PDB file of all heavy atoms in Angstrom:
ATOM      1  N   ARG A   1      44.993  22.160 100.512  1.00  0.00           N
ATOM      2  CA  ARG A   1      44.618  21.295 101.645  1.00  0.00           C
ATOM      3  C   ARG A   1      43.311  20.578 101.360  1.00  0.00           C
ATOM      4  O   ARG A   1      43.164  19.385 101.640  1.00  0.00           O
ATOM      5  CB  ARG A   1      44.515  22.123 102.932  1.00  0.00           C
ATOM      6  CG  ARG A   1      45.857  22.648 103.419  1.00  0.00           C
ATOM      7  CD  ARG A   1      45.740  23.272 104.789  1.00  0.00           C
ATOM      8  NE  ARG A   1      44.955  24.493 104.796  1.00  0.00           N
ATOM      9  CZ  ARG A   1      45.447  25.707 104.547  1.00  0.00           C
ATOM     10  NH1 ARG A   1      46.731  25.862 104.263  1.00  0.00           N
ATOM     11  NH2 ARG A   1      44.663  26.771 104.590  1.00  0.00           N
ATOM     12  N   GLU A   2      42.357  21.283 100.799  1.00  0.00           N
ATOM     13  CA  GLU A   2      41.059  20.665 100.543  1.00  0.00           C
ATOM     14  C   GLU A   2      41.138  19.593  99.469  1.00  0.00           C
ATOM     15  O   GLU A   2      40.451  18.579  99.531  1.00  0.00           O
ATOM     16  CB  GLU A   2      40.032  21.724 100.149  1.00  0.00           C
ATOM     17  CG  GLU A   2      38.639  21.151  99.959  1.00  0.00           C
ATOM     18  CD  GLU A   2      37.586  22.234  99.867  1.00  0.00           C
ATOM     19  OE1 GLU A   2      37.456  22.808  98.783  1.00  0.00           O
ATOM     20  OE2 GLU A   2      36.909  22.483 100.868  1.00  0.00           O
ATOM     21  N   SER A   3      42.009  19.806  98.471  1.00  0.00           N
ATOM     22  CA  SER A   3      42.085  18.871  97.347  1.00  0.00           C
ATOM     23  C   SER A   3      42.562  17.487  97.767  1.00  0.00           C
ATOM     24  O   SER A   3      42.362  16.521  97.035  1.00  0.00           O
ATOM     25  CB  SER A   3      43.008  19.429  96.254  1.00  0.00           C
ATOM     26  OG  SER A   3      44.362  19.390  96.682  1.00  0.00           O
ATOM     27  N   VAL A   4      43.196  17.382  98.931  1.00  0.00           N
ATOM     28  CA  VAL A   4      43.682  16.091  99.392  1.00  0.00           C
ATOM     29  C   VAL A   4      42.910  15.607 100.618  1.00  0.00           C
ATOM     30  O   VAL A   4      43.236  14.562 101.180  1.00  0.00           O
ATOM     31  CB  VAL A   4      45.201  16.159  99.678  1.00  0.00           C
ATOM     32  CG1 VAL A   4      45.493  16.801 101.032  1.00  0.00           C
ATOM     33  CG2 VAL A   4      45.863  14.799  99.578  1.00  0.00           C
ATOM     34  N   SER A   5      41.870  16.347 101.014  1.00  0.00           N
ATOM     35  CA  SER A   5      41.058  15.885 102.137  1.00  0.00           C
ATOM     36  C   SER A   5      40.360  14.575 101.761  1.00  0.00           C
ATOM     37  O   SER A   5      40.066  14.335 100.584  1.00  0.00           O
ATOM     38  CB  SER A   5      40.023  16.941 102.538  1.00  0.00           C
ATOM     39  OG  SER A   5      38.986  17.006 101.577  1.00  0.00           O
ATOM     40  N   TYR A   6      40.107  13.754 102.748  1.00  0.00           N
ATOM     41  CA  TYR A   6      39.495  12.453 102.466  1.00  0.00           C
ATOM     42  C   TYR A   6      38.096  12.624 101.888  1.00  0.00           C
ATOM     43  O   TYR A   6      37.682  11.878 100.998  1.00  0.00           O
ATOM     44  CB  TYR A   6      39.452  11.622 103.749  1.00  0.00           C
ATOM     45  CG  TYR A   6      39.409  10.130 103.500  1.00  0.00           C
ATOM     46  CD1 TYR A   6      40.495   9.471 102.941  1.00  0.00           C
ATOM     47  CD2 TYR A   6      38.288   9.383 103.826  1.00  0.00           C
ATOM     48  CE1 TYR A   6      40.469   8.111 102.722  1.00  0.00           C
ATOM     49  CE2 TYR A   6      38.254   8.013 103.615  1.00  0.00           C
ATOM     50  CZ  TYR A   6      39.344   7.385 103.052  1.00  0.00           C
ATOM     51  OH  TYR A   6      39.323   6.023 102.823  1.00  0.00           O
ATOM     52  N   ALA A   7      37.383  13.647 102.381  1.00  0.00           N
ATOM     53  CA  ALA A   7      36.037  13.898 101.872  1.00  0.00           C
ATOM     54  C   ALA A   7      36.079  14.231 100.381  1.00  0.00           C
ATOM     55  O   ALA A   7      35.290  13.714  99.590  1.00  0.00           O
ATOM     56  CB  ALA A   7      35.391  15.036 102.654  1.00  0.00           C
ATOM     57  N   VAL A   8      37.028  15.096  99.984  1.00  0.00           N
ATOM     58  CA  VAL A   8      37.101  15.493  98.578  1.00  0.00           C
ATOM     59  C   VAL A   8      37.616  14.357  97.709  1.00  0.00           C
ATOM     60  O   VAL A   8      37.135  14.138  96.590  1.00  0.00           O
ATOM     61  CB  VAL A   8      37.961  16.764  98.419  1.00  0.00           C
ATOM     62  CG1 VAL A   8      38.322  17.022  96.958  1.00  0.00           C
ATOM     63  CG2 VAL A   8      37.210  17.970  98.978  1.00  0.00           C
ATOM     64  N   LEU A   9      38.606  13.596  98.193  1.00  0.00           N
ATOM     65  CA  LEU A   9      39.078  12.438  97.423  1.00  0.00           C
ATOM     66  C   LEU A   9      37.930  11.475  97.150  1.00  0.00           C
ATOM     67  O   LEU A   9      37.837  10.890  96.065  1.00  0.00           O
ATOM     68  CB  LEU A   9      40.195  11.709  98.172  1.00  0.00           C
ATOM     69  CG  LEU A   9      41.575  12.356  98.176  1.00  0.00           C
ATOM     70  CD1 LEU A   9      42.549  11.490  98.963  1.00  0.00           C
ATOM     71  CD2 LEU A   9      42.093  12.586  96.767  1.00  0.00           C
ATOM     72  N   THR A  10      37.065  11.300  98.131  1.00  0.00           N
ATOM     73  CA  THR A  10      35.908  10.412  97.952  1.00  0.00           C
ATOM     74  C   THR A  10      34.945  11.001  96.929  1.00  0.00           C
ATOM     75  O   THR A  10      34.443  10.296  96.048  1.00  0.00           O
ATOM     76  CB  THR A  10      35.194  10.194  99.294  1.00  0.00           C
ATOM     77  OG1 THR A  10      36.120   9.653 100.248  1.00  0.00           O
ATOM     78  CG2 THR A  10      34.042   9.217  99.143  1.00  0.00           C
ATOM     79  N   LEU A  11      34.703  12.309  97.029  1.00  0.00           N
ATOM     80  CA  LEU A  11      33.799  12.953  96.077  1.00  0.00           C
ATOM     81  C   LEU A  11      34.361  12.923  94.658  1.00  0.00           C
ATOM     82  O   LEU A  11      33.605  12.831  93.687  1.00  0.00           O
ATOM     83  CB  LEU A  11      33.560  14.408  96.495  1.00  0.00           C
ATOM     84  CG  LEU A  11      32.638  14.622  97.693  1.00  0.00           C
ATOM     85  CD1 LEU A  11      32.717  16.064  98.164  1.00  0.00           C
ATOM     86  CD2 LEU A  11      31.199  14.267  97.325  1.00  0.00           C
ATOM     87  N   MET A  12      35.678  12.997  94.526  1.00  0.00           N
ATOM     88  CA  MET A  12      36.273  12.998  93.187  1.00  0.00           C
ATOM     89  C   MET A  12      36.054  11.685  92.453  1.00  0.00           C
ATOM     90  O   MET A  12      36.239  11.617  91.234  1.00  0.00           O
ATOM     91  CB  MET A  12      37.763  13.330  93.257  1.00  0.00           C
ATOM     92  CG  MET A  12      38.028  14.820  93.429  1.00  0.00           C
ATOM     93  SD  MET A  12      39.708  15.299  92.937  1.00  0.00           S
ATOM     94  CE  MET A  12      40.659  14.674  94.303  1.00  0.00           C
ATOM     95  N   GLU A  13      35.675  10.645  93.170  1.00  0.00           N
ATOM     96  CA  GLU A  13      35.357   9.388  92.495  1.00  0.00           C
ATOM     97  C   GLU A  13      34.162   9.555  91.559  1.00  0.00           C
ATOM     98  O   GLU A  13      33.973   8.765  90.648  1.00  0.00           O
ATOM     99  CB  GLU A  13      35.058   8.305  93.538  1.00  0.00           C
ATOM    100  CG  GLU A  13      36.283   7.797  94.265  1.00  0.00           C
ATOM    101  CD  GLU A  13      37.269   7.143  93.324  1.00  0.00           C
ATOM    102  OE1 GLU A  13      36.872   6.206  92.604  1.00  0.00           O
ATOM    103  OE2 GLU A  13      38.433   7.569  93.289  1.00  0.00           O
ATOM    104  N   ARG A  14      33.360  10.592  91.786  1.00  0.00           N
ATOM    105  CA  ARG A  14      32.189  10.835  90.923  1.00  0.00           C
ATOM    106  C   ARG A  14      32.580  11.526  89.614  1.00  0.00           C
ATOM    107  O   ARG A  14      31.780  11.592  88.688  1.00  0.00           O
ATOM    108  CB  ARG A  14      31.177  11.722  91.653  1.00  0.00           C
ATOM    109  CG  ARG A  14      30.709  11.200  92.997  1.00  0.00           C
ATOM    110  CD  ARG A  14      29.773  12.213  93.637  1.00  0.00           C
ATOM    111  NE  ARG A  14      29.366  11.820  94.981  1.00  0.00           N
ATOM    112  CZ  ARG A  14      28.577  12.549  95.768  1.00  0.00           C
ATOM    113  NH1 ARG A  14      28.104  13.700  95.319  1.00  0.00           N
ATOM    114  NH2 ARG A  14      28.256  12.131  96.975  1.00  0.00           N
ATOM    115  N   LEU A  15      33.775  12.093  89.578  1.00  0.00           N
ATOM    116  CA  LEU A  15      34.200  12.846  88.399  1.00  0.00           C
ATOM    117  C   LEU A  15      34.717  11.918  87.323  1.00  0.00           C
ATOM    118  O   LEU A  15      35.215  10.831  87.589  1.00  0.00           O
ATOM    119  CB  LEU A  15      35.301  13.840  88.776  1.00  0.00           C
ATOM    120  CG  LEU A  15      35.013  14.850  89.889  1.00  0.00           C
ATOM    121  CD1 LEU A  15      36.212  15.763  90.087  1.00  0.00           C
ATOM    122  CD2 LEU A  15      33.755  15.648  89.586  1.00  0.00           C
ATOM    123  N   SER A  16      34.631  12.368  86.073  1.00  0.00           N
ATOM    124  CA  SER A  16      35.257  11.631  84.979  1.00  0.00           C
ATOM    125  C   SER A  16      36.778  11.782  85.117  1.00  0.00           C
ATOM    126  O   SER A  16      37.258  12.698  85.793  1.00  0.00           O
ATOM    127  CB  SER A  16      34.807  12.201  83.637  1.00  0.00           C
ATOM    128  OG  SER A  16      35.374  13.482  83.432  1.00  0.00           O
ATOM    129  N   PRO A  17      37.560  10.900  84.477  1.00  0.00           N
ATOM    130  CA  PRO A  17      39.019  11.045  84.559  1.00  0.00           C
ATOM    131  C   PRO A  17      39.501  12.430  84.138  1.00  0.00           C
ATOM    132  O   PRO A  17      40.363  13.010  84.803  1.00  0.00           O
ATOM    133  CB  PRO A  17      39.514   9.951  83.612  1.00  0.00           C
ATOM    134  CG  PRO A  17      38.476   8.868  83.710  1.00  0.00           C
ATOM    135  CD  PRO A  17      37.177   9.630  83.812  1.00  0.00           C
ATOM    136  N   ASN A  18      38.967  12.987  83.054  1.00  0.00           N
ATOM    137  CA  ASN A  18      39.391  14.320  82.621  1.00  0.00           C
ATOM    138  C   ASN A  18      39.025  15.390  83.634  1.00  0.00           C
ATOM    139  O   ASN A  18      39.803  16.308  83.904  1.00  0.00           O
ATOM    140  CB  ASN A  18      38.784  14.658  81.259  1.00  0.00           C
ATOM    141  CG  ASN A  18      39.743  14.383  80.114  1.00  0.00           C
ATOM    142  OD1 ASN A  18      40.715  13.644  80.273  1.00  0.00           O
ATOM    143  ND2 ASN A  18      39.484  14.975  78.967  1.00  0.00           N
ATOM    144  N   GLU A  19      37.820  15.293  84.207  1.00  0.00           N
ATOM    145  CA  GLU A  19      37.411  16.268  85.225  1.00  0.00           C
ATOM    146  C   GLU A  19      38.335  16.192  86.430  1.00  0.00           C
ATOM    147  O   GLU A  19      38.739  17.220  86.985  1.00  0.00           O
ATOM    148  CB  GLU A  19      35.964  15.991  85.661  1.00  0.00           C
ATOM    149  CG  GLU A  19      34.914  16.389  84.645  1.00  0.00           C
ATOM    150  CD  GLU A  19      33.522  15.980  85.061  1.00  0.00           C
ATOM    151  OE1 GLU A  19      33.383  15.011  85.847  1.00  0.00           O
ATOM    152  OE2 GLU A  19      32.563  16.629  84.593  1.00  0.00           O
ATOM    153  N   ARG A  20      38.676  14.998  86.812  1.00  0.00           N
ATOM    154  CA  ARG A  20      39.562  14.825  87.971  1.00  0.00           C
ATOM    155  C   ARG A  20      40.938  15.416  87.688  1.00  0.00           C
ATOM    156  O   ARG A  20      41.519  16.091  88.544  1.00  0.00           O
ATOM    157  CB  ARG A  20      39.660  13.337  88.318  1.00  0.00           C
ATOM    158  CG  ARG A  20      40.336  13.059  89.642  1.00  0.00           C
ATOM    159  CD  ARG A  20      40.002  11.661  90.124  1.00  0.00           C
ATOM    160  NE  ARG A  20      40.617  11.390  91.410  1.00  0.00           N
ATOM    161  CZ  ARG A  20      40.218  10.452  92.244  1.00  0.00           C
ATOM    162  NH1 ARG A  20      39.188   9.692  91.922  1.00  0.00           N
ATOM    163  NH2 ARG A  20      40.820  10.266  93.408  1.00  0.00           N
ATOM    164  N   ALA A  21      41.468  15.160  86.507  1.00  0.00           N
ATOM    165  CA  ALA A  21      42.790  15.671  86.147  1.00  0.00           C
ATOM    166  C   ALA A  21      42.805  17.195  86.123  1.00  0.00           C
ATOM    167  O   ALA A  21      43.719  17.829  86.669  1.00  0.00           O
ATOM    168  CB  ALA A  21      43.216  15.106  84.806  1.00  0.00           C
ATOM    169  N   VAL A  22      41.818  17.798  85.490  1.00  0.00           N
ATOM    170  CA  VAL A  22      41.770  19.257  85.418  1.00  0.00           C
ATOM    171  C   VAL A  22      41.631  19.843  86.824  1.00  0.00           C
ATOM    172  O   VAL A  22      42.315  20.816  87.174  1.00  0.00           O
ATOM    173  CB  VAL A  22      40.606  19.731  84.520  1.00  0.00           C
ATOM    174  CG1 VAL A  22      40.442  21.247  84.614  1.00  0.00           C
ATOM    175  CG2 VAL A  22      40.849  19.317  83.073  1.00  0.00           C
ATOM    176  N   TYR A  23      40.760  19.268  87.627  1.00  0.00           N
ATOM    177  CA  TYR A  23      40.539  19.769  88.987  1.00  0.00           C
ATOM    178  C   TYR A  23      41.829  19.721  89.806  1.00  0.00           C
ATOM    179  O   TYR A  23      42.204  20.701  90.462  1.00  0.00           O
ATOM    180  CB  TYR A  23      39.444  18.960  89.680  1.00  0.00           C
ATOM    181  CG  TYR A  23      39.151  19.402  91.091  1.00  0.00           C
ATOM    182  CD1 TYR A  23      38.298  20.474  91.334  1.00  0.00           C
ATOM    183  CD2 TYR A  23      39.738  18.765  92.180  1.00  0.00           C
ATOM    184  CE1 TYR A  23      38.029  20.899  92.634  1.00  0.00           C
ATOM    185  CE2 TYR A  23      39.482  19.187  93.476  1.00  0.00           C
ATOM    186  CZ  TYR A  23      38.628  20.252  93.689  1.00  0.00           C
ATOM    187  OH  TYR A  23      38.385  20.678  94.977  1.00  0.00           O
ATOM    188  N   VAL A  24      42.517  18.598  89.770  1.00  0.00           N
ATOM    189  CA  VAL A  24      43.744  18.438  90.559  1.00  0.00           C
ATOM    190  C   VAL A  24      44.839  19.384  90.067  1.00  0.00           C
ATOM    191  O   VAL A  24      45.483  20.071  90.865  1.00  0.00           O
ATOM    192  CB  VAL A  24      44.221  16.974  90.516  1.00  0.00           C
ATOM    193  CG1 VAL A  24      45.644  16.846  91.049  1.00  0.00           C
ATOM    194  CG2 VAL A  24      43.275  16.085  91.317  1.00  0.00           C
ATOM    195  N   LEU A  25      45.070  19.425  88.773  1.00  0.00           N
ATOM    196  CA  LEU A  25      46.166  20.243  88.246  1.00  0.00           C
ATOM    197  C   LEU A  25      45.920  21.727  88.471  1.00  0.00           C
ATOM    198  O   LEU A  25      46.856  22.491  88.749  1.00  0.00           O
ATOM    199  CB  LEU A  25      46.359  19.960  86.757  1.00  0.00           C
ATOM    200  CG  LEU A  25      46.908  18.564  86.418  1.00  0.00           C
ATOM    201  CD1 LEU A  25      46.904  18.345  84.908  1.00  0.00           C
ATOM    202  CD2 LEU A  25      48.314  18.367  86.983  1.00  0.00           C
ATOM    203  N   ARG A  26      44.680  22.144  88.380  1.00  0.00           N
ATOM    204  CA  ARG A  26      44.363  23.556  88.557  1.00  0.00           C
ATOM    205  C   ARG A  26      44.233  23.930  90.028  1.00  0.00           C
ATOM    206  O   ARG A  26      44.840  24.892  90.499  1.00  0.00           O
ATOM    207  CB  ARG A  26      43.068  23.903  87.814  1.00  0.00           C
ATOM    208  CG  ARG A  26      42.648  25.358  87.924  1.00  0.00           C
ATOM    209  CD  ARG A  26      43.652  26.272  87.283  1.00  0.00           C
ATOM    210  NE  ARG A  26      43.286  27.677  87.473  1.00  0.00           N
ATOM    211  CZ  ARG A  26      44.147  28.676  87.368  1.00  0.00           C
ATOM    212  NH1 ARG A  26      45.420  28.432  87.071  1.00  0.00           N
ATOM    213  NH2 ARG A  26      43.760  29.925  87.550  1.00  0.00           N
ATOM    214  N   GLU A  27      43.438  23.175  90.775  1.00  0.00           N
ATOM    215  CA  GLU A  27      43.104  23.539  92.157  1.00  0.00           C
ATOM    216  C   GLU A  27      44.278  23.325  93.098  1.00  0.00           C
ATOM    217  O   GLU A  27      44.557  24.166  93.966  1.00  0.00           O
ATOM    218  CB  GLU A  27      41.892  22.715  92.623  1.00  0.00           C
ATOM    219  CG  GLU A  27      41.319  23.134  93.964  1.00  0.00           C
ATOM    220  CD  GLU A  27      40.402  24.351  93.843  1.00  0.00           C
ATOM    221  OE1 GLU A  27      40.443  25.063  92.825  1.00  0.00           O
ATOM    222  OE2 GLU A  27      39.639  24.579  94.802  1.00  0.00           O
ATOM    223  N   ALA A  28      44.984  22.193  92.947  1.00  0.00           N
ATOM    224  CA  ALA A  28      46.029  21.850  93.905  1.00  0.00           C
ATOM    225  C   ALA A  28      47.412  22.305  93.473  1.00  0.00           C
ATOM    226  O   ALA A  28      48.272  22.566  94.320  1.00  0.00           O
ATOM    227  CB  ALA A  28      46.041  20.339  94.147  1.00  0.00           C
ATOM    228  N   PHE A  29      47.639  22.391  92.153  1.00  0.00           N
ATOM    229  CA  PHE A  29      48.998  22.681  91.684  1.00  0.00           C
ATOM    230  C   PHE A  29      49.073  23.939  90.813  1.00  0.00           C
ATOM    231  O   PHE A  29      50.131  24.253  90.283  1.00  0.00           O
ATOM    232  CB  PHE A  29      49.566  21.466  90.946  1.00  0.00           C
ATOM    233  CG  PHE A  29      49.744  20.291  91.873  1.00  0.00           C
ATOM    234  CD1 PHE A  29      48.732  19.347  92.030  1.00  0.00           C
ATOM    235  CD2 PHE A  29      50.895  20.147  92.627  1.00  0.00           C
ATOM    236  CE1 PHE A  29      48.876  18.283  92.907  1.00  0.00           C
ATOM    237  CE2 PHE A  29      51.044  19.092  93.503  1.00  0.00           C
ATOM    238  CZ  PHE A  29      50.039  18.148  93.643  1.00  0.00           C
ATOM    239  N   ASP A  30      47.941  24.634  90.681  1.00  0.00           N
ATOM    240  CA  ASP A  30      47.898  25.965  90.077  1.00  0.00           C
ATOM    241  C   ASP A  30      48.458  26.002  88.656  1.00  0.00           C
ATOM    242  O   ASP A  30      49.051  26.993  88.240  1.00  0.00           O
ATOM    243  CB  ASP A  30      48.650  26.963  90.965  1.00  0.00           C
ATOM    244  CG  ASP A  30      48.192  28.402  90.723  1.00  0.00           C
ATOM    245  OD1 ASP A  30      47.019  28.579  90.344  1.00  0.00           O
ATOM    246  OD2 ASP A  30      49.012  29.316  90.886  1.00  0.00           O
TER     247      ASP A  30
END
């Protein structure tokens, strides 16, 4: 739920593409 919150989506703009991919695949999709 948090990984798709608007606040977190906005914060993820600060991450590099690789950081964003790892975060999403691990945190949201395990």
